[in-house]
Amino acid sequence: HFFHITSIFSSPFFNHVVIALEEKIIVSKLGDNATLSCIYRGTELHLKNLRVYWQIADDQEECSVVHALISGQDNESEQCIHFKNRTQLFWDRLENGNFSLLLLNVSQSDEHTYKCVILQKTEYTKMIHQAEVVLSLAASYSQPILSGPIRNSDSAGEEVTFSCRSGNGYPEPNVYWINKTDNSHLHPSQLEITPHTDGTYSVFSTLKVKATSNMEIECSVENKILQENLSANYTQQKQSNGSSTESHKDLEKNRRGAQAAGIISIVILMGLLVVLTCWLWRRRSSRLVSHTGNE
């Protein structure tokens, strides 16, 4: 939290008061609901004597009113169209000094610094509390997909290309290529960050390196706001000719064994069919003899 000291000078309408302005930073994911905190811990409050304004602190905005509560009732007369039907106060908490605002279905256009101002009217109108909330938005990136080259056993020293892709995240990510054999960072050959209509980004990066006998490459996609690091790894070990030959022999042996088992199964099945045919023929013959004797 950050604190600023703001002085409100006396006028015919406002009493001179010095207020500590508390600034909070919250992070919300795109499409979620965000709660902007504003809590007054002063004396007993009477809602009918209060005016509460939530507004965008950026003076350059054409419309700055996010939500207004006047004399205990919502007032939408000056509310920005962008926030219509998207803001709610917590009515069961107001009399306890909790004027936090629920902002529904947040999007990139909601990234602002918001200010909560509470005015109290007795004999005169005075500001009794104000707070600022910085709303930062973020969306998690998908698990990176790392594609590596199909290598032959004799490709050491050749240039090979890796590619890494991820998407549906916000804001723009950082992408790191790491050689896991010594944890050194590698410079990408290509980096493309593409914005989408829903405000999210996708990223595609390639890396060109000289192939080694044992390559261990990692692609990491970082979302700084969410403090997320998603990574994918590529590991391929070079096989010796001897082990490759043994593997080939094992495969050939397994193939021949499967063929032999198949032939034996066919022979057994044919034998069963012959036995069944003979049994049916004998049964039919005995029935014919019995029928002839009865006649």
C-alpha atoms as a PDB file:
ATOM      1  CA  HIS A   1       0.000   0.000   0.000  1.00  0.00           C
ATOM      2  CA  PHE A   2       1.112   3.561  -0.676  1.00  0.00           C
ATOM      3  CA  PHE A   3       0.095   6.674   1.234  1.00  0.00           C
ATOM      4  CA  HIS A   4      -0.194  10.262   0.016  1.00  0.00           C
ATOM      5  CA  ILE A   5      -1.080  13.284   2.139  1.00  0.00           C
ATOM      6  CA  THR A   6      -3.815  15.417   0.602  1.00  0.00           C
ATOM      7  CA  SER A   7      -4.968  18.713   2.051  1.00  0.00           C
ATOM      8  CA  ILE A   8      -8.488  20.003   1.399  1.00  0.00           C
ATOM      9  CA  PHE A   9      -8.508  23.762   1.941  1.00  0.00           C
ATOM     10  CA  SER A  10     -11.355  25.602   3.609  1.00  0.00           C
ATOM     11  CA  SER A  11     -14.096  27.177   1.531  1.00  0.00           C
ATOM     12  CA  PRO A  12     -17.722  28.147   2.115  1.00  0.00           C
ATOM     13  CA  PHE A  13     -18.617  24.517   1.375  1.00  0.00           C
ATOM     14  CA  PHE A  14     -15.705  22.426   2.624  1.00  0.00           C
ATOM     15  CA  ASN A  15     -14.063  22.336   6.002  1.00  0.00           C
ATOM     16  CA  HIS A  16     -10.258  22.240   6.115  1.00  0.00           C
ATOM     17  CA  VAL A  17      -9.105  18.687   6.776  1.00  0.00           C
ATOM     18  CA  VAL A  18      -5.931  16.682   6.162  1.00  0.00           C
ATOM     19  CA  ILE A  19      -6.495  13.116   4.979  1.00  0.00           C
ATOM     20  CA  ALA A  20      -4.064  10.250   4.428  1.00  0.00           C
ATOM     21  CA  LEU A  21      -4.829   8.899   0.966  1.00  0.00           C
ATOM     22  CA  GLU A  22      -4.345   5.157   0.855  1.00  0.00           C
ATOM     23  CA  GLU A  23      -3.536   3.633  -2.527  1.00  0.00           C
ATOM     24  CA  LYS A  24      -3.991  -0.076  -3.157  1.00  0.00           C
ATOM     25  CA  ILE A  25      -2.998  -2.155  -6.150  1.00  0.00           C
ATOM     26  CA  ILE A  26      -5.158  -5.135  -7.026  1.00  0.00           C
ATOM     27  CA  VAL A  27      -4.861  -7.642  -9.846  1.00  0.00           C
ATOM     28  CA  SER A  28      -7.884  -9.181 -11.527  1.00  0.00           C
ATOM     29  CA  LYS A  29      -8.161 -11.671 -14.352  1.00  0.00           C
ATOM     30  CA  LEU A  30     -10.018 -10.747 -17.519  1.00  0.00           C
ATOM     31  CA  GLY A  31     -13.721 -11.536 -17.247  1.00  0.00           C
ATOM     32  CA  ASP A  32     -13.649 -11.816 -13.451  1.00  0.00           C
ATOM     33  CA  ASN A  33     -15.325  -9.478 -10.958  1.00  0.00           C
ATOM     34  CA  ALA A  34     -13.045  -7.068  -9.087  1.00  0.00           C
ATOM     35  CA  THR A  35     -13.645  -5.525  -5.658  1.00  0.00           C
ATOM     36  CA  LEU A  36     -12.320  -1.970  -5.274  1.00  0.00           C
ATOM     37  CA  SER A  37     -11.755  -1.415  -1.573  1.00  0.00           C
ATOM     38  CA  CYS A  38     -12.897   1.722   0.287  1.00  0.00           C
ATOM     39  CA  ILE A  39     -13.345   1.404   4.067  1.00  0.00           C
ATOM     40  CA  TYR A  40     -13.930   4.311   6.464  1.00  0.00           C
ATOM     41  CA  ARG A  41     -13.094   3.573  10.088  1.00  0.00           C
ATOM     42  CA  GLY A  42     -14.346   6.763  11.665  1.00  0.00           C
ATOM     43  CA  THR A  43     -17.320   7.766  13.766  1.00  0.00           C
ATOM     44  CA  GLU A  44     -20.867   6.490  13.362  1.00  0.00           C
ATOM     45  CA  LEU A  45     -22.316   7.187   9.928  1.00  0.00           C
ATOM     46  CA  HIS A  46     -25.773   8.185   8.751  1.00  0.00           C
ATOM     47  CA  LEU A  47     -26.201   7.316   5.077  1.00  0.00           C
ATOM     48  CA  LYS A  48     -28.718  10.117   4.493  1.00  0.00           C
ATOM     49  CA  ASN A  49     -25.959  12.640   5.291  1.00  0.00           C
ATOM     50  CA  LEU A  50     -23.378  11.104   2.934  1.00  0.00           C
ATOM     51  CA  ARG A  51     -22.325  11.470  -0.667  1.00  0.00           C
ATOM     52  CA  VAL A  52     -20.023   8.714  -1.918  1.00  0.00           C
ATOM     53  CA  TYR A  53     -18.359   8.977  -5.311  1.00  0.00           C
ATOM     54  CA  TRP A  54     -16.320   6.362  -7.122  1.00  0.00           C
ATOM     55  CA  GLN A  55     -14.523   7.985 -10.031  1.00  0.00           C
ATOM     56  CA  ILE A  56     -11.611   7.526 -12.401  1.00  0.00           C
ATOM     57  CA  ALA A  57      -8.653   9.475 -11.063  1.00  0.00           C
ATOM     58  CA  ASP A  58      -7.345  10.250 -14.561  1.00  0.00           C
ATOM     59  CA  ASP A  59      -8.458  13.825 -15.298  1.00  0.00           C
ATOM     60  CA  GLN A  60      -8.112  13.232 -19.049  1.00  0.00           C
ATOM     61  CA  GLU A  61     -11.117  10.912 -19.129  1.00  0.00           C
ATOM     62  CA  GLU A  62     -14.204  12.495 -20.712  1.00  0.00           C
ATOM     63  CA  CYS A  63     -16.439  10.709 -18.211  1.00  0.00           C
ATOM     64  CA  SER A  64     -15.081   9.930 -14.767  1.00  0.00           C
ATOM     65  CA  VAL A  65     -18.068   8.890 -12.614  1.00  0.00           C
ATOM     66  CA  VAL A  66     -18.030   5.147 -11.978  1.00  0.00           C
ATOM     67  CA  HIS A  67     -20.674   5.009  -9.227  1.00  0.00           C
ATOM     68  CA  ALA A  68     -22.433   7.491  -6.949  1.00  0.00           C
ATOM     69  CA  LEU A  69     -24.331   7.042  -3.690  1.00  0.00           C
ATOM     70  CA  ILE A  70     -26.276  10.129  -2.590  1.00  0.00           C
ATOM     71  CA  SER A  71     -28.277  10.233   0.647  1.00  0.00           C
ATOM     72  CA  GLY A  72     -28.345   6.441   0.827  1.00  0.00           C
ATOM     73  CA  GLN A  73     -29.530   5.899  -2.774  1.00  0.00           C
ATOM     74  CA  ASP A  74     -27.696   4.958  -5.973  1.00  0.00           C
ATOM     75  CA  ASN A  75     -27.560   7.857  -8.411  1.00  0.00           C
ATOM     76  CA  GLU A  76     -26.953   6.931 -12.051  1.00  0.00           C
ATOM     77  CA  SER A  77     -27.560  10.352 -13.587  1.00  0.00           C
ATOM     78  CA  GLU A  78     -23.850  11.058 -14.145  1.00  0.00           C
ATOM     79  CA  GLN A  79     -22.551   7.491 -14.361  1.00  0.00           C
ATOM     80  CA  CYS A  80     -20.388   6.701 -17.395  1.00  0.00           C
ATOM     81  CA  ILE A  81     -22.114   4.496 -19.972  1.00  0.00           C
ATOM     82  CA  HIS A  82     -19.192   2.073 -19.841  1.00  0.00           C
ATOM     83  CA  PHE A  83     -20.061   1.236 -16.216  1.00  0.00           C
ATOM     84  CA  LYS A  84     -23.860   0.985 -16.563  1.00  0.00           C
ATOM     85  CA  ASN A  85     -25.171  -2.188 -14.861  1.00  0.00           C
ATOM     86  CA  ARG A  86     -21.598  -3.219 -13.989  1.00  0.00           C
ATOM     87  CA  THR A  87     -21.145  -1.705 -10.518  1.00  0.00           C
ATOM     88  CA  GLN A  88     -22.570  -2.678  -7.136  1.00  0.00           C
ATOM     89  CA  LEU A  89     -22.083  -1.541  -3.559  1.00  0.00           C
ATOM     90  CA  PHE A  90     -22.322  -3.978  -0.664  1.00  0.00           C
ATOM     91  CA  TRP A  91     -25.523  -2.709   0.945  1.00  0.00           C
ATOM     92  CA  ASP A  92     -25.237  -4.812   4.079  1.00  0.00           C
ATOM     93  CA  ARG A  93     -21.852  -3.229   4.843  1.00  0.00           C
ATOM     94  CA  LEU A  94     -22.481   0.463   4.159  1.00  0.00           C
ATOM     95  CA  GLU A  95     -23.478   1.458   7.694  1.00  0.00           C
ATOM     96  CA  ASN A  96     -20.237  -0.123   8.936  1.00  0.00           C
ATOM     97  CA  GLY A  97     -18.224   2.236   6.733  1.00  0.00           C
ATOM     98  CA  ASN A  98     -17.506  -0.260   3.946  1.00  0.00           C
ATOM     99  CA  PHE A  99     -18.073   1.516   0.622  1.00  0.00           C
ATOM    100  CA  SER A 100     -16.145  -0.974  -1.505  1.00  0.00           C
ATOM    101  CA  LEU A 101     -17.326  -1.294  -5.101  1.00  0.00           C
ATOM    102  CA  LEU A 102     -17.848  -4.519  -7.034  1.00  0.00           C
ATOM    103  CA  LEU A 103     -16.938  -4.095 -10.714  1.00  0.00           C
ATOM    104  CA  LEU A 104     -18.372  -6.855 -12.904  1.00  0.00           C
ATOM    105  CA  ASN A 105     -16.783  -8.584 -15.904  1.00  0.00           C
ATOM    106  CA  VAL A 106     -13.609  -6.527 -16.079  1.00  0.00           C
ATOM    107  CA  SER A 107     -11.830  -5.899 -19.377  1.00  0.00           C
ATOM    108  CA  GLN A 108      -8.698  -4.068 -20.543  1.00  0.00           C
ATOM    109  CA  SER A 109     -10.605  -0.774 -20.757  1.00  0.00           C
ATOM    110  CA  ASP A 110     -11.137  -0.948 -16.974  1.00  0.00           C
ATOM    111  CA  GLU A 111      -7.429  -0.557 -16.213  1.00  0.00           C
ATOM    112  CA  HIS A 112      -7.422   2.721 -14.291  1.00  0.00           C
ATOM    113  CA  THR A 113      -6.660   4.299 -10.968  1.00  0.00           C
ATOM    114  CA  TYR A 114      -9.996   4.631  -9.159  1.00  0.00           C
ATOM    115  CA  LYS A 115     -10.735   7.098  -6.379  1.00  0.00           C
ATOM    116  CA  CYS A 116     -13.336   6.725  -3.640  1.00  0.00           C
ATOM    117  CA  VAL A 117     -14.439  10.038  -2.077  1.00  0.00           C
ATOM    118  CA  ILE A 118     -16.786  10.227   0.932  1.00  0.00           C
ATOM    119  CA  LEU A 119     -18.426  13.579   1.731  1.00  0.00           C
ATOM    120  CA  GLN A 120     -20.436  14.191   4.892  1.00  0.00           C
ATOM    121  CA  LYS A 121     -22.956  16.995   5.268  1.00  0.00           C
ATOM    122  CA  THR A 122     -23.902  18.283   8.695  1.00  0.00           C
ATOM    123  CA  GLU A 123     -23.672  22.051   9.225  1.00  0.00           C
ATOM    124  CA  TYR A 124     -21.284  22.103   6.278  1.00  0.00           C
ATOM    125  CA  THR A 125     -19.975  19.574   3.745  1.00  0.00           C
ATOM    126  CA  LYS A 126     -16.616  18.022   4.456  1.00  0.00           C
ATOM    127  CA  MET A 127     -14.563  15.212   2.972  1.00  0.00           C
ATOM    128  CA  ILE A 128     -14.087  12.552   5.635  1.00  0.00           C
ATOM    129  CA  HIS A 129     -12.327   9.853   3.616  1.00  0.00           C
ATOM    130  CA  GLN A 130     -10.743   9.099   0.264  1.00  0.00           C
ATOM    131  CA  ALA A 131      -8.910   6.108  -1.139  1.00  0.00           C
ATOM    132  CA  GLU A 132      -7.331   5.134  -4.448  1.00  0.00           C
ATOM    133  CA  VAL A 133      -7.252   1.699  -6.025  1.00  0.00           C
ATOM    134  CA  VAL A 134      -5.079   0.805  -9.007  1.00  0.00           C
ATOM    135  CA  LEU A 135      -6.700  -1.959 -11.041  1.00  0.00           C
ATOM    136  CA  SER A 136      -4.316  -4.093 -13.085  1.00  0.00           C
ATOM    137  CA  LEU A 137      -5.638  -6.839 -15.325  1.00  0.00           C
ATOM    138  CA  ALA A 138      -4.062 -10.107 -16.332  1.00  0.00           C
ATOM    139  CA  ALA A 139      -4.835 -13.451 -17.950  1.00  0.00           C
ATOM    140  CA  SER A 140      -2.824 -16.647 -17.664  1.00  0.00           C
ATOM    141  CA  TYR A 141      -1.038 -17.899 -20.758  1.00  0.00           C
ATOM    142  CA  SER A 142      -1.624 -21.421 -21.990  1.00  0.00           C
ATOM    143  CA  GLN A 143       0.960 -24.118 -21.353  1.00  0.00           C
ATOM    144  CA  PRO A 144       3.753 -23.507 -23.901  1.00  0.00           C
ATOM    145  CA  ILE A 145       4.097 -26.005 -26.742  1.00  0.00           C
ATOM    146  CA  LEU A 146       7.750 -26.611 -27.597  1.00  0.00           C
ATOM    147  CA  SER A 147       8.591 -28.343 -30.869  1.00  0.00           C
ATOM    148  CA  GLY A 148      12.089 -29.626 -31.520  1.00  0.00           C
ATOM    149  CA  PRO A 149      13.768 -31.087 -34.605  1.00  0.00           C
ATOM    150  CA  ILE A 150      13.743 -34.793 -35.453  1.00  0.00           C
ATOM    151  CA  ARG A 151      17.436 -35.616 -35.231  1.00  0.00           C
ATOM    152  CA  ASN A 152      19.535 -38.338 -36.763  1.00  0.00           C
ATOM    153  CA  SER A 153      22.322 -39.805 -34.681  1.00  0.00           C
ATOM    154  CA  ASP A 154      24.928 -38.054 -36.844  1.00  0.00           C
ATOM    155  CA  SER A 155      23.396 -34.522 -36.777  1.00  0.00           C
ATOM    156  CA  ALA A 156      25.729 -33.094 -34.093  1.00  0.00           C
ATOM    157  CA  GLY A 157      27.110 -29.743 -35.212  1.00  0.00           C
ATOM    158  CA  GLU A 158      24.265 -29.008 -37.628  1.00  0.00           C
ATOM    159  CA  GLU A 159      21.967 -26.007 -37.089  1.00  0.00           C
ATOM    160  CA  VAL A 160      18.565 -27.050 -35.757  1.00  0.00           C
ATOM    161  CA  THR A 161      15.422 -24.990 -35.074  1.00  0.00           C
ATOM    162  CA  PHE A 162      13.091 -25.077 -32.082  1.00  0.00           C
ATOM    163  CA  SER A 163       9.711 -23.341 -31.911  1.00  0.00           C
ATOM    164  CA  CYS A 164       7.603 -22.345 -28.905  1.00  0.00           C
ATOM    165  CA  ARG A 165       4.037 -21.035 -28.807  1.00  0.00           C
ATOM    166  CA  SER A 166       1.519 -19.968 -26.164  1.00  0.00           C
ATOM    167  CA  GLY A 167      -1.670 -17.895 -26.138  1.00  0.00           C
ATOM    168  CA  ASN A 168      -4.751 -16.403 -24.449  1.00  0.00           C
ATOM    169  CA  GLY A 169      -2.687 -14.315 -22.030  1.00  0.00           C
ATOM    170  CA  TYR A 170      -2.507 -10.686 -20.911  1.00  0.00           C
ATOM    171  CA  PRO A 171      -0.486  -8.481 -20.806  1.00  0.00           C
ATOM    172  CA  GLU A 172       2.341  -9.068 -23.291  1.00  0.00           C
ATOM    173  CA  PRO A 173       4.659 -11.806 -22.010  1.00  0.00           C
ATOM    174  CA  ASN A 174       8.387 -12.219 -21.668  1.00  0.00           C
ATOM    175  CA  VAL A 175       9.808 -15.267 -23.452  1.00  0.00           C
ATOM    176  CA  TYR A 176      13.063 -16.910 -22.397  1.00  0.00           C
ATOM    177  CA  TRP A 177      15.086 -19.662 -24.074  1.00  0.00           C
ATOM    178  CA  ILE A 178      17.368 -21.532 -21.679  1.00  0.00           C
ATOM    179  CA  ASN A 179      20.103 -24.097 -22.270  1.00  0.00           C
ATOM    180  CA  LYS A 180      19.433 -26.432 -19.339  1.00  0.00           C
ATOM    181  CA  THR A 181      22.852 -28.076 -19.525  1.00  0.00           C
ATOM    182  CA  ASP A 182      24.443 -24.903 -18.088  1.00  0.00           C
ATOM    183  CA  ASN A 183      21.327 -22.695 -17.416  1.00  0.00           C
ATOM    184  CA  SER A 184      22.542 -20.082 -19.892  1.00  0.00           C
ATOM    185  CA  HIS A 185      20.053 -17.820 -21.674  1.00  0.00           C
ATOM    186  CA  LEU A 186      19.845 -18.090 -25.451  1.00  0.00           C
ATOM    187  CA  HIS A 187      18.851 -15.326 -27.848  1.00  0.00           C
ATOM    188  CA  PRO A 188      15.685 -16.131 -29.853  1.00  0.00           C
ATOM    189  CA  SER A 189      15.862 -16.078 -33.637  1.00  0.00           C
ATOM    190  CA  GLN A 190      12.274 -14.822 -33.899  1.00  0.00           C
ATOM    191  CA  LEU A 191       9.679 -13.402 -31.515  1.00  0.00           C
ATOM    192  CA  GLU A 192       6.128 -12.566 -32.606  1.00  0.00           C
ATOM    193  CA  ILE A 193       3.473 -11.268 -30.185  1.00  0.00           C
ATOM    194  CA  THR A 194       0.019 -11.081 -31.762  1.00  0.00           C
ATOM    195  CA  PRO A 195      -2.956  -9.189 -30.237  1.00  0.00           C
ATOM    196  CA  HIS A 196      -6.447 -10.682 -30.546  1.00  0.00           C
ATOM    197  CA  THR A 197      -9.883  -9.091 -30.700  1.00  0.00           C
ATOM    198  CA  ASP A 198     -10.666 -10.163 -27.113  1.00  0.00           C
ATOM    199  CA  GLY A 199      -7.641  -8.202 -25.883  1.00  0.00           C
ATOM    200  CA  THR A 200      -5.420 -11.201 -25.177  1.00  0.00           C
ATOM    201  CA  TYR A 201      -2.113 -12.026 -26.836  1.00  0.00           C
ATOM    202  CA  SER A 202      -0.470 -15.059 -28.381  1.00  0.00           C
ATOM    203  CA  VAL A 203       3.277 -15.493 -28.716  1.00  0.00           C
ATOM    204  CA  PHE A 204       5.427 -17.465 -31.156  1.00  0.00           C
ATOM    205  CA  SER A 205       9.198 -17.716 -30.897  1.00  0.00           C
ATOM    206  CA  THR A 206      11.925 -19.706 -32.632  1.00  0.00           C
ATOM    207  CA  LEU A 207      15.465 -20.593 -31.640  1.00  0.00           C
ATOM    208  CA  LYS A 208      18.298 -21.717 -33.921  1.00  0.00           C
ATOM    209  CA  VAL A 209      21.256 -23.481 -32.318  1.00  0.00           C
ATOM    210  CA  LYS A 210      24.018 -25.919 -33.225  1.00  0.00           C
ATOM    211  CA  ALA A 211      22.962 -29.450 -32.386  1.00  0.00           C
ATOM    212  CA  THR A 212      24.858 -31.330 -29.692  1.00  0.00           C
ATOM    213  CA  SER A 213      24.858 -34.981 -28.665  1.00  0.00           C
ATOM    214  CA  ASN A 214      22.747 -34.185 -25.578  1.00  0.00           C
ATOM    215  CA  MET A 215      20.456 -31.193 -26.022  1.00  0.00           C
ATOM    216  CA  GLU A 216      18.285 -29.840 -23.194  1.00  0.00           C
ATOM    217  CA  ILE A 217      16.347 -26.734 -24.209  1.00  0.00           C
ATOM    218  CA  GLU A 218      13.656 -24.923 -22.210  1.00  0.00           C
ATOM    219  CA  CYS A 219      11.142 -22.323 -23.379  1.00  0.00           C
ATOM    220  CA  SER A 220       9.655 -20.193 -20.580  1.00  0.00           C
ATOM    221  CA  VAL A 221       6.707 -17.765 -20.891  1.00  0.00           C
ATOM    222  CA  GLU A 222       6.479 -15.203 -18.076  1.00  0.00           C
ATOM    223  CA  ASN A 223       3.448 -13.168 -16.985  1.00  0.00           C
ATOM    224  CA  LYS A 224       4.936 -10.527 -14.696  1.00  0.00           C
ATOM    225  CA  ILE A 225       1.668  -9.265 -13.217  1.00  0.00           C
ATOM    226  CA  LEU A 226       0.490 -12.741 -12.195  1.00  0.00           C
ATOM    227  CA  GLN A 227       4.073 -13.774 -11.352  1.00  0.00           C
ATOM    228  CA  GLU A 228       3.577 -16.900 -13.447  1.00  0.00           C
ATOM    229  CA  ASN A 229       6.299 -18.755 -15.318  1.00  0.00           C
ATOM    230  CA  LEU A 230       5.143 -21.573 -17.579  1.00  0.00           C
ATOM    231  CA  SER A 231       7.794 -23.683 -19.268  1.00  0.00           C
ATOM    232  CA  ALA A 232       8.214 -26.555 -21.703  1.00  0.00           C
ATOM    233  CA  ASN A 233      11.340 -28.681 -22.078  1.00  0.00           C
ATOM    234  CA  TYR A 234      12.986 -30.567 -24.911  1.00  0.00           C
ATOM    235  CA  THR A 235      15.477 -33.341 -24.146  1.00  0.00           C
ATOM    236  CA  GLN A 236      16.951 -35.773 -26.644  1.00  0.00           C
ATOM    237  CA  GLN A 237      19.905 -38.043 -26.050  1.00  0.00           C
ATOM    238  CA  LYS A 238      21.987 -39.389 -28.898  1.00  0.00           C
ATOM    239  CA  GLN A 239      21.991 -43.176 -29.136  1.00  0.00           C
ATOM    240  CA  SER A 240      25.168 -45.091 -30.031  1.00  0.00           C
ATOM    241  CA  ASN A 241      25.236 -47.374 -33.093  1.00  0.00           C
ATOM    242  CA  GLY A 242      25.576 -50.416 -30.827  1.00  0.00           C
ATOM    243  CA  SER A 243      22.464 -49.633 -28.831  1.00  0.00           C
ATOM    244  CA  SER A 244      20.582 -48.834 -32.030  1.00  0.00           C
ATOM    245  CA  THR A 245      21.579 -52.234 -33.474  1.00  0.00           C
ATOM    246  CA  GLU A 246      20.484 -54.039 -30.316  1.00  0.00           C
ATOM    247  CA  SER A 247      17.196 -52.186 -30.387  1.00  0.00           C
ATOM    248  CA  HIS A 248      16.683 -53.180 -34.031  1.00  0.00           C
ATOM    249  CA  LYS A 249      17.405 -56.825 -33.207  1.00  0.00           C
ATOM    250  CA  ASP A 250      14.919 -56.779 -30.348  1.00  0.00           C
ATOM    251  CA  LEU A 251      12.245 -55.323 -32.604  1.00  0.00           C
ATOM    252  CA  GLU A 252      12.897 -57.987 -35.253  1.00  0.00           C
ATOM    253  CA  LYS A 253      12.757 -60.731 -32.626  1.00  0.00           C
ATOM    254  CA  ASN A 254       9.470 -59.434 -31.266  1.00  0.00           C
ATOM    255  CA  ARG A 255       8.037 -59.233 -34.784  1.00  0.00           C
ATOM    256  CA  ARG A 256       8.942 -62.853 -35.561  1.00  0.00           C
ATOM    257  CA  GLY A 257       7.504 -64.000 -32.235  1.00  0.00           C
ATOM    258  CA  ALA A 258       4.228 -62.252 -32.993  1.00  0.00           C
ATOM    259  CA  GLN A 259       4.078 -63.901 -36.430  1.00  0.00           C
ATOM    260  CA  ALA A 260       4.652 -67.373 -34.939  1.00  0.00           C
ATOM    261  CA  ALA A 261       1.950 -66.831 -32.325  1.00  0.00           C
ATOM    262  CA  GLY A 262      -0.458 -65.765 -35.059  1.00  0.00           C
ATOM    263  CA  ILE A 263       0.217 -68.918 -37.129  1.00  0.00           C
ATOM    264  CA  ILE A 264      -0.285 -71.199 -34.111  1.00  0.00           C
ATOM    265  CA  SER A 265      -3.582 -69.483 -33.315  1.00  0.00           C
ATOM    266  CA  ILE A 266      -4.818 -70.028 -36.890  1.00  0.00           C
ATOM    267  CA  VAL A 267      -3.876 -73.752 -36.803  1.00  0.00           C
ATOM    268  CA  ILE A 268      -5.709 -74.250 -33.494  1.00  0.00           C
ATOM    269  CA  LEU A 269      -8.786 -72.466 -34.844  1.00  0.00           C
ATOM    270  CA  MET A 270      -8.810 -74.611 -38.009  1.00  0.00           C
ATOM    271  CA  GLY A 271      -8.529 -77.777 -35.886  1.00  0.00           C
ATOM    272  CA  LEU A 272     -11.516 -76.725 -33.791  1.00  0.00           C
ATOM    273  CA  LEU A 273     -13.535 -76.055 -36.938  1.00  0.00           C
ATOM    274  CA  VAL A 274     -12.708 -79.562 -38.301  1.00  0.00           C
ATOM    275  CA  VAL A 275     -13.743 -81.223 -35.018  1.00  0.00           C
ATOM    276  CA  LEU A 276     -16.990 -79.238 -34.929  1.00  0.00           C
ATOM    277  CA  THR A 277     -17.772 -80.134 -38.558  1.00  0.00           C
ATOM    278  CA  CYS A 278     -17.205 -83.861 -37.944  1.00  0.00           C
ATOM    279  CA  TRP A 279     -19.411 -83.807 -34.842  1.00  0.00           C
ATOM    280  CA  LEU A 280     -22.245 -82.093 -36.690  1.00  0.00           C
ATOM    281  CA  TRP A 281     -21.955 -84.559 -39.617  1.00  0.00           C
ATOM    282  CA  ARG A 282     -22.069 -87.599 -37.328  1.00  0.00           C
ATOM    283  CA  ARG A 283     -25.067 -86.230 -35.440  1.00  0.00           C
ATOM    284  CA  ARG A 284     -26.937 -85.629 -38.667  1.00  0.00           C
ATOM    285  CA  SER A 285     -26.090 -89.151 -39.929  1.00  0.00           C
ATOM    286  CA  SER A 286     -27.377 -90.778 -36.723  1.00  0.00           C
ATOM    287  CA  ARG A 287     -30.650 -88.872 -37.012  1.00  0.00           C
ATOM    288  CA  LEU A 288     -31.118 -90.054 -40.610  1.00  0.00           C
ATOM    289  CA  VAL A 289     -30.533 -93.713 -39.622  1.00  0.00           C
ATOM    290  CA  SER A 290     -32.996 -93.427 -36.741  1.00  0.00           C
ATOM    291  CA  HIS A 291     -35.632 -91.885 -38.995  1.00  0.00           C
ATOM    292  CA  THR A 292     -35.223 -94.654 -41.633  1.00  0.00           C
ATOM    293  CA  GLY A 293     -35.615 -97.392 -38.975  1.00  0.00           C
ATOM    294  CA  ASN A 294     -38.875 -95.889 -37.716  1.00  0.00           C
ATOM    295  CA  GLU A 295     -40.359 -95.988 -41.196  1.00  0.00           C
END
